[in-house]
Amino acid sequence: MQQCLEYICREFEKVKDYLHRPTFEKERIIDNLFANFMQCFSEYPFEKKRYPKEFLEAANLYNAGDAVVRQRFADVGMRYLLLSDFYDYVKITHLDRKV
């Protein structure tokens, strides 16, 4: 797993309780992690083969400027849910231990 994705998972643990205890600081962290997620998927195309197509499609459409996808992810809650799904996927598949 690329360092940028490892970083996202490590930092996500700091905001896992966002839905129950939202703060401005957690929103800022989520925004930064989301930007890192989108950038990481665009910079490391070989990494894409490891992940479900839903992550790839979201990243590809977002990075391409798709208006519908950009509107959906304008909401910090949706950004959080994408990161949460990614974090859970990595933990369930043990990708974090294959570094």
C-alpha atoms as a PDB file:
ATOM      1  CA  MET A   1       0.000   0.000   0.000  1.00  0.00           C
ATOM      2  CA  GLN A   2       1.327   3.430  -0.921  1.00  0.00           C
ATOM      3  CA  GLN A   3       2.511   5.747   1.846  1.00  0.00           C
ATOM      4  CA  CYS A   4      -0.197   8.273   1.035  1.00  0.00           C
ATOM      5  CA  LEU A   5      -2.882   5.634   1.619  1.00  0.00           C
ATOM      6  CA  GLU A   6      -1.193   4.454   4.814  1.00  0.00           C
ATOM      7  CA  TYR A   7      -1.161   8.061   6.001  1.00  0.00           C
ATOM      8  CA  ILE A   8      -4.866   8.428   5.243  1.00  0.00           C
ATOM      9  CA  CYS A   9      -5.702   5.340   7.308  1.00  0.00           C
ATOM     10  CA  ARG A  10      -3.505   6.417  10.232  1.00  0.00           C
ATOM     11  CA  GLU A  11      -4.926   9.919  10.305  1.00  0.00           C
ATOM     12  CA  PHE A  12      -8.509   8.749   9.818  1.00  0.00           C
ATOM     13  CA  GLU A  13      -8.345   7.090  13.214  1.00  0.00           C
ATOM     14  CA  LYS A  14      -8.262  10.592  14.731  1.00  0.00           C
ATOM     15  CA  VAL A  15     -11.701  11.422  13.289  1.00  0.00           C
ATOM     16  CA  LYS A  16     -13.512   8.075  13.403  1.00  0.00           C
ATOM     17  CA  ASP A  17     -16.030   9.559  15.820  1.00  0.00           C
ATOM     18  CA  TYR A  18     -16.849  12.533  13.576  1.00  0.00           C
ATOM     19  CA  LEU A  19     -20.512  11.615  13.052  1.00  0.00           C
ATOM     20  CA  HIS A  20     -21.095  11.497  16.816  1.00  0.00           C
ATOM     21  CA  ARG A  21     -18.728  14.294  17.837  1.00  0.00           C
ATOM     22  CA  PRO A  22     -18.190  16.672  14.921  1.00  0.00           C
ATOM     23  CA  THR A  23     -15.792  19.578  15.355  1.00  0.00           C
ATOM     24  CA  PHE A  24     -14.302  22.143  13.038  1.00  0.00           C
ATOM     25  CA  GLU A  25     -10.854  20.569  13.545  1.00  0.00           C
ATOM     26  CA  LYS A  26     -12.157  17.132  12.524  1.00  0.00           C
ATOM     27  CA  GLU A  27     -13.788  18.656   9.440  1.00  0.00           C
ATOM     28  CA  ARG A  28     -10.454  20.177   8.484  1.00  0.00           C
ATOM     29  CA  ILE A  29      -8.728  16.803   8.899  1.00  0.00           C
ATOM     30  CA  ILE A  30     -11.426  15.098   6.799  1.00  0.00           C
ATOM     31  CA  ASP A  31     -11.076  17.708   4.056  1.00  0.00           C
ATOM     32  CA  ASN A  32      -7.301  17.210   3.968  1.00  0.00           C
ATOM     33  CA  LEU A  33      -7.564  13.416   3.980  1.00  0.00           C
ATOM     34  CA  PHE A  34     -10.143  13.512   1.204  1.00  0.00           C
ATOM     35  CA  ALA A  35      -7.882  15.712  -0.939  1.00  0.00           C
ATOM     36  CA  ASN A  36      -4.995  13.332  -0.256  1.00  0.00           C
ATOM     37  CA  PHE A  37      -7.170  10.348  -1.194  1.00  0.00           C
ATOM     38  CA  MET A  38      -8.132  11.877  -4.531  1.00  0.00           C
ATOM     39  CA  GLN A  39      -4.560  12.890  -5.283  1.00  0.00           C
ATOM     40  CA  CYS A  40      -3.111   9.520  -4.276  1.00  0.00           C
ATOM     41  CA  PHE A  41      -5.434   7.624  -6.599  1.00  0.00           C
ATOM     42  CA  SER A  42      -4.507   9.891  -9.479  1.00  0.00           C
ATOM     43  CA  GLU A  43      -0.745   9.636  -8.850  1.00  0.00           C
ATOM     44  CA  TYR A  44      -0.429   5.880  -8.361  1.00  0.00           C
ATOM     45  CA  PRO A  45      -2.482   4.154 -11.064  1.00  0.00           C
ATOM     46  CA  PHE A  46      -0.968   0.709 -10.373  1.00  0.00           C
ATOM     47  CA  GLU A  47      -2.365   0.919  -6.849  1.00  0.00           C
ATOM     48  CA  LYS A  48      -5.887   1.106  -8.232  1.00  0.00           C
ATOM     49  CA  LYS A  49      -6.034  -2.594  -9.060  1.00  0.00           C
ATOM     50  CA  ARG A  50      -6.179  -3.480  -5.365  1.00  0.00           C
ATOM     51  CA  TYR A  51      -9.356  -1.617  -4.574  1.00  0.00           C
ATOM     52  CA  PRO A  52     -13.052  -1.960  -5.438  1.00  0.00           C
ATOM     53  CA  LYS A  53     -14.223  -0.143  -8.537  1.00  0.00           C
ATOM     54  CA  GLU A  54     -16.424   2.156  -6.455  1.00  0.00           C
ATOM     55  CA  PHE A  55     -13.368   3.885  -4.970  1.00  0.00           C
ATOM     56  CA  LEU A  56     -11.762   4.133  -8.369  1.00  0.00           C
ATOM     57  CA  GLU A  57     -14.860   5.468 -10.087  1.00  0.00           C
ATOM     58  CA  ALA A  58     -15.402   8.084  -7.406  1.00  0.00           C
ATOM     59  CA  ALA A  59     -11.777   9.229  -7.623  1.00  0.00           C
ATOM     60  CA  ASN A  60     -11.708   9.218 -11.421  1.00  0.00           C
ATOM     61  CA  LEU A  61     -14.944  11.164 -11.749  1.00  0.00           C
ATOM     62  CA  TYR A  62     -14.006  13.615  -9.012  1.00  0.00           C
ATOM     63  CA  ASN A  63     -10.567  14.232 -10.486  1.00  0.00           C
ATOM     64  CA  ALA A  64     -12.125  14.653 -13.944  1.00  0.00           C
ATOM     65  CA  GLY A  65     -14.333  17.412 -12.570  1.00  0.00           C
ATOM     66  CA  ASP A  66     -17.663  15.579 -12.838  1.00  0.00           C
ATOM     67  CA  ALA A  67     -20.244  18.074 -11.546  1.00  0.00           C
ATOM     68  CA  VAL A  68     -22.522  15.481  -9.902  1.00  0.00           C
ATOM     69  CA  VAL A  69     -19.685  13.755  -8.056  1.00  0.00           C
ATOM     70  CA  ARG A  70     -18.124  17.066  -7.021  1.00  0.00           C
ATOM     71  CA  GLN A  71     -21.501  18.233  -5.696  1.00  0.00           C
ATOM     72  CA  ARG A  72     -21.936  15.000  -3.716  1.00  0.00           C
ATOM     73  CA  PHE A  73     -18.497  15.326  -2.134  1.00  0.00           C
ATOM     74  CA  ALA A  74     -18.939  19.006  -1.361  1.00  0.00           C
ATOM     75  CA  ASP A  75     -20.621  17.715   1.791  1.00  0.00           C
ATOM     76  CA  VAL A  76     -18.101  16.857   4.525  1.00  0.00           C
ATOM     77  CA  GLY A  77     -20.347  14.001   5.675  1.00  0.00           C
ATOM     78  CA  MET A  78     -20.032  12.321   2.278  1.00  0.00           C
ATOM     79  CA  ARG A  79     -16.277  12.837   2.336  1.00  0.00           C
ATOM     80  CA  TYR A  80     -16.179  11.234   5.754  1.00  0.00           C
ATOM     81  CA  LEU A  81     -18.240   8.250   4.575  1.00  0.00           C
ATOM     82  CA  LEU A  82     -15.942   7.619   1.612  1.00  0.00           C
ATOM     83  CA  LEU A  83     -12.889   7.721   3.875  1.00  0.00           C
ATOM     84  CA  SER A  84     -14.629   5.516   6.417  1.00  0.00           C
ATOM     85  CA  ASP A  85     -15.467   2.937   3.744  1.00  0.00           C
ATOM     86  CA  PHE A  86     -11.881   2.994   2.516  1.00  0.00           C
ATOM     87  CA  TYR A  87     -10.512   2.640   6.048  1.00  0.00           C
ATOM     88  CA  ASP A  88     -12.841  -0.288   6.759  1.00  0.00           C
ATOM     89  CA  TYR A  89     -11.922  -1.970   3.480  1.00  0.00           C
ATOM     90  CA  VAL A  90      -8.208  -1.729   4.260  1.00  0.00           C
ATOM     91  CA  LYS A  91      -8.723  -3.124   7.761  1.00  0.00           C
ATOM     92  CA  ILE A  92     -11.029  -5.947   6.671  1.00  0.00           C
ATOM     93  CA  THR A  93      -8.742  -7.067   3.854  1.00  0.00           C
ATOM     94  CA  HIS A  94      -5.618  -6.618   5.991  1.00  0.00           C
ATOM     95  CA  LEU A  95      -3.978  -4.473   3.325  1.00  0.00           C
ATOM     96  CA  ASP A  96      -2.513  -2.400   6.134  1.00  0.00           C
ATOM     97  CA  ARG A  97      -0.453  -5.423   7.204  1.00  0.00           C
ATOM     98  CA  LYS A  98       0.916  -6.148   3.715  1.00  0.00           C
ATOM     99  CA  VAL A  99       3.206  -3.152   3.640  1.00  0.00           C
END
